[in-house]
Amino acid sequence: MGLAVASHQIAAAGAVLRQHEERGLSEDELRAANTIADLDAEQTTCPACQGTIPGGVVRCPECGLRFQADPEPGGPSCH
């Protein structure tokens, strides 16, 4: 990871980074970071909102997170 900072803001940017590092992640952030969505299961947990996602859907019904890419332009599509 890189960070571009104006030379006169280096000290302030370093202080902000240290604050974030010291703060750590909240319980919700840790839970979300450790969530793996099994899209082949009958239902799974959304990594964004921790909601329940029924199998076979392309968006989380609670937060709208999309789990399937749009089809390639000119590629096959299901009707």
N, C-alpha and C. Protein backbone atom coordinates (compact mmCIF):
# COMPACT_ATOMS: atom_id res chain seq x y z
N MET A 1 0.85 -1.16 0.00
CA MET A 1 0.00 0.00 0.00
C MET A 1 0.89 1.23 0.00
N GLY A 2 0.51 2.22 -0.77
CA GLY A 2 1.26 3.45 -0.81
C GLY A 2 0.38 4.62 -0.41
N LEU A 3 1.00 5.66 0.04
CA LEU A 3 0.29 6.85 0.45
C LEU A 3 1.05 8.06 -0.06
N ALA A 4 0.38 8.89 -0.86
CA ALA A 4 1.00 10.12 -1.36
C ALA A 4 0.56 11.27 -0.49
N VAL A 5 1.52 11.98 0.07
CA VAL A 5 1.24 13.08 0.99
C VAL A 5 2.17 14.24 0.66
N ALA A 6 1.62 15.44 0.69
CA ALA A 6 2.46 16.63 0.49
C ALA A 6 3.49 16.69 1.61
N SER A 7 4.69 17.16 1.28
CA SER A 7 5.78 17.14 2.26
C SER A 7 5.43 17.90 3.54
N HIS A 8 4.65 18.96 3.45
CA HIS A 8 4.31 19.71 4.65
C HIS A 8 3.22 19.03 5.48
N GLN A 9 2.66 17.90 4.99
CA GLN A 9 1.62 17.19 5.73
C GLN A 9 2.07 15.81 6.21
N ILE A 10 3.33 15.51 6.08
CA ILE A 10 3.83 14.18 6.46
C ILE A 10 3.59 13.89 7.93
N ALA A 11 3.89 14.81 8.81
CA ALA A 11 3.70 14.58 10.25
C ALA A 11 2.24 14.35 10.59
N ALA A 12 1.35 15.14 10.01
CA ALA A 12 -0.08 14.99 10.28
C ALA A 12 -0.59 13.65 9.74
N ALA A 13 -0.16 13.27 8.55
CA ALA A 13 -0.58 11.99 7.97
C ALA A 13 -0.09 10.83 8.82
N GLY A 14 1.13 10.90 9.30
CA GLY A 14 1.67 9.86 10.18
C GLY A 14 0.87 9.74 11.46
N ALA A 15 0.46 10.87 12.03
CA ALA A 15 -0.34 10.85 13.26
C ALA A 15 -1.68 10.18 13.02
N VAL A 16 -2.32 10.48 11.89
CA VAL A 16 -3.61 9.86 11.57
C VAL A 16 -3.45 8.35 11.40
N LEU A 17 -2.42 7.93 10.70
CA LEU A 17 -2.19 6.49 10.51
C LEU A 17 -1.95 5.79 11.84
N ARG A 18 -1.18 6.41 12.73
CA ARG A 18 -0.93 5.81 14.04
C ARG A 18 -2.23 5.70 14.85
N GLN A 19 -3.09 6.72 14.77
CA GLN A 19 -4.37 6.67 15.48
C GLN A 19 -5.22 5.51 14.99
N HIS A 20 -5.29 5.33 13.68
CA HIS A 20 -6.08 4.22 13.13
C HIS A 20 -5.50 2.87 13.54
N GLU A 21 -4.19 2.77 13.53
CA GLU A 21 -3.54 1.52 13.92
C GLU A 21 -3.80 1.21 15.39
N GLU A 22 -3.71 2.20 16.25
CA GLU A 22 -3.94 2.00 17.68
C GLU A 22 -5.39 1.70 17.99
N ARG A 23 -6.30 2.29 17.22
CA ARG A 23 -7.73 2.08 17.45
C ARG A 23 -8.11 0.63 17.17
N GLY A 24 -7.53 0.04 16.14
CA GLY A 24 -7.86 -1.33 15.79
C GLY A 24 -9.25 -1.41 15.17
N LEU A 25 -9.74 -2.61 15.03
CA LEU A 25 -11.05 -2.84 14.43
C LEU A 25 -12.09 -3.11 15.52
N SER A 26 -13.30 -2.65 15.27
CA SER A 26 -14.40 -2.93 16.20
C SER A 26 -14.82 -4.40 16.04
N GLU A 27 -15.66 -4.88 16.93
CA GLU A 27 -16.16 -6.26 16.82
C GLU A 27 -16.86 -6.48 15.49
N ASP A 28 -17.69 -5.53 15.08
CA ASP A 28 -18.40 -5.65 13.80
C ASP A 28 -17.44 -5.68 12.63
N GLU A 29 -16.41 -4.84 12.67
CA GLU A 29 -15.42 -4.80 11.59
C GLU A 29 -14.62 -6.11 11.53
N LEU A 30 -14.26 -6.64 12.69
CA LEU A 30 -13.54 -7.92 12.73
C LEU A 30 -14.42 -9.05 12.18
N ARG A 31 -15.69 -9.08 12.59
CA ARG A 31 -16.62 -10.11 12.13
C ARG A 31 -16.77 -10.03 10.61
N ALA A 32 -16.94 -8.82 10.08
CA ALA A 32 -17.09 -8.65 8.63
C ALA A 32 -15.81 -9.06 7.90
N ALA A 33 -14.66 -8.72 8.45
CA ALA A 33 -13.39 -9.06 7.81
C ALA A 33 -13.16 -10.56 7.76
N ASN A 34 -13.75 -11.29 8.69
CA ASN A 34 -13.56 -12.74 8.76
C ASN A 34 -14.70 -13.54 8.16
N THR A 35 -15.67 -12.87 7.53
CA THR A 35 -16.81 -13.56 6.94
C THR A 35 -16.47 -14.02 5.53
N ILE A 36 -16.77 -15.27 5.25
CA ILE A 36 -16.60 -15.83 3.92
C ILE A 36 -17.98 -16.25 3.44
N ALA A 37 -18.41 -15.73 2.31
CA ALA A 37 -19.73 -16.06 1.76
C ALA A 37 -19.60 -17.28 0.86
N ASP A 38 -20.23 -18.39 1.24
CA ASP A 38 -20.25 -19.61 0.44
C ASP A 38 -21.46 -19.53 -0.48
N LEU A 39 -21.25 -19.10 -1.72
CA LEU A 39 -22.35 -18.87 -2.64
C LEU A 39 -22.97 -20.16 -3.16
N ASP A 40 -22.38 -21.31 -2.86
CA ASP A 40 -22.96 -22.60 -3.26
C ASP A 40 -23.83 -23.19 -2.15
N ALA A 41 -23.84 -22.59 -0.98
CA ALA A 41 -24.63 -23.10 0.14
C ALA A 41 -26.10 -22.71 -0.02
N GLU A 42 -26.98 -23.39 0.73
CA GLU A 42 -28.40 -23.05 0.70
C GLU A 42 -28.63 -21.63 1.20
N GLN A 43 -27.82 -21.19 2.15
CA GLN A 43 -27.83 -19.81 2.60
C GLN A 43 -26.46 -19.50 3.17
N THR A 44 -26.10 -18.23 3.16
CA THR A 44 -24.80 -17.81 3.66
C THR A 44 -24.95 -16.44 4.32
N THR A 45 -23.87 -15.95 4.88
CA THR A 45 -23.88 -14.66 5.56
C THR A 45 -23.20 -13.62 4.68
N CYS A 46 -23.82 -12.46 4.57
CA CYS A 46 -23.26 -11.37 3.77
C CYS A 46 -22.05 -10.79 4.51
N PRO A 47 -20.91 -10.66 3.82
CA PRO A 47 -19.73 -10.09 4.47
C PRO A 47 -19.86 -8.59 4.73
N ALA A 48 -20.78 -7.92 4.06
CA ALA A 48 -20.93 -6.48 4.25
C ALA A 48 -21.82 -6.14 5.42
N CYS A 49 -22.99 -6.81 5.53
CA CYS A 49 -23.97 -6.41 6.56
C CYS A 49 -24.28 -7.52 7.56
N GLN A 50 -23.71 -8.70 7.35
CA GLN A 50 -23.93 -9.86 8.21
C GLN A 50 -25.36 -10.40 8.10
N GLY A 51 -26.09 -9.98 7.07
CA GLY A 51 -27.45 -10.49 6.83
C GLY A 51 -27.41 -11.89 6.23
N THR A 52 -28.55 -12.54 6.23
CA THR A 52 -28.66 -13.89 5.66
C THR A 52 -29.00 -13.78 4.18
N ILE A 53 -28.23 -14.51 3.37
CA ILE A 53 -28.42 -14.50 1.92
C ILE A 53 -28.90 -15.88 1.50
N PRO A 54 -30.11 -15.99 0.93
CA PRO A 54 -30.55 -17.29 0.43
C PRO A 54 -29.72 -17.69 -0.79
N GLY A 55 -29.57 -18.99 -1.00
CA GLY A 55 -28.80 -19.47 -2.15
C GLY A 55 -29.41 -19.04 -3.46
N GLY A 56 -28.58 -18.84 -4.47
CA GLY A 56 -29.04 -18.54 -5.81
C GLY A 56 -29.35 -17.08 -6.09
N VAL A 57 -29.20 -16.18 -5.14
CA VAL A 57 -29.46 -14.77 -5.42
C VAL A 57 -28.16 -14.08 -5.80
N VAL A 58 -28.27 -12.96 -6.52
CA VAL A 58 -27.08 -12.24 -6.95
C VAL A 58 -26.81 -11.00 -6.11
N ARG A 59 -27.79 -10.60 -5.28
CA ARG A 59 -27.62 -9.43 -4.40
C ARG A 59 -28.11 -9.79 -3.00
N CYS A 60 -27.43 -9.23 -2.00
CA CYS A 60 -27.88 -9.39 -0.63
C CYS A 60 -29.23 -8.67 -0.50
N PRO A 61 -30.27 -9.35 0.02
CA PRO A 61 -31.56 -8.71 0.14
C PRO A 61 -31.60 -7.61 1.19
N GLU A 62 -30.60 -7.58 2.08
CA GLU A 62 -30.59 -6.58 3.14
C GLU A 62 -29.80 -5.32 2.78
N CYS A 63 -28.63 -5.48 2.15
CA CYS A 63 -27.82 -4.29 1.85
C CYS A 63 -27.58 -4.08 0.36
N GLY A 64 -27.89 -5.07 -0.47
CA GLY A 64 -27.73 -4.92 -1.91
C GLY A 64 -26.37 -5.27 -2.47
N LEU A 65 -25.45 -5.78 -1.63
CA LEU A 65 -24.13 -6.16 -2.13
C LEU A 65 -24.29 -7.17 -3.26
N ARG A 66 -23.65 -6.92 -4.38
CA ARG A 66 -23.77 -7.79 -5.56
C ARG A 66 -22.71 -8.88 -5.52
N PHE A 67 -23.15 -10.12 -5.78
CA PHE A 67 -22.25 -11.27 -5.74
C PHE A 67 -21.94 -11.84 -7.11
N GLN A 68 -22.51 -11.28 -8.15
CA GLN A 68 -22.30 -11.81 -9.49
C GLN A 68 -21.96 -10.66 -10.42
N ALA A 69 -20.94 -10.86 -11.21
CA ALA A 69 -20.53 -9.82 -12.16
C ALA A 69 -21.55 -9.69 -13.28
N ASP A 70 -21.62 -8.52 -13.86
CA ASP A 70 -22.48 -8.33 -15.02
C ASP A 70 -21.94 -9.20 -16.15
N PRO A 71 -22.82 -9.71 -17.02
CA PRO A 71 -22.34 -10.53 -18.14
C PRO A 71 -21.44 -9.72 -19.06
N GLU A 72 -20.52 -10.41 -19.69
CA GLU A 72 -19.62 -9.76 -20.65
C GLU A 72 -20.45 -9.21 -21.81
N PRO A 73 -20.15 -8.00 -22.26
CA PRO A 73 -20.87 -7.46 -23.42
C PRO A 73 -20.68 -8.39 -24.62
N GLY A 74 -21.80 -8.75 -25.26
CA GLY A 74 -21.74 -9.63 -26.42
C GLY A 74 -21.56 -11.09 -26.08
N GLY A 75 -21.45 -11.40 -24.79
CA GLY A 75 -21.29 -12.79 -24.37
C GLY A 75 -22.63 -13.47 -24.18
N PRO A 76 -22.62 -14.76 -23.83
CA PRO A 76 -23.88 -15.49 -23.63
C PRO A 76 -24.63 -14.93 -22.43
N SER A 77 -25.94 -15.00 -22.50
CA SER A 77 -26.77 -14.57 -21.36
C SER A 77 -27.89 -15.57 -21.16
N CYS A 78 -28.40 -15.62 -19.95
CA CYS A 78 -29.50 -16.51 -19.62
C CYS A 78 -30.80 -15.73 -19.72
N HIS A 79 -31.81 -16.31 -20.33
CA HIS A 79 -33.13 -15.66 -20.42
C HIS A 79 -34.15 -16.47 -19.70
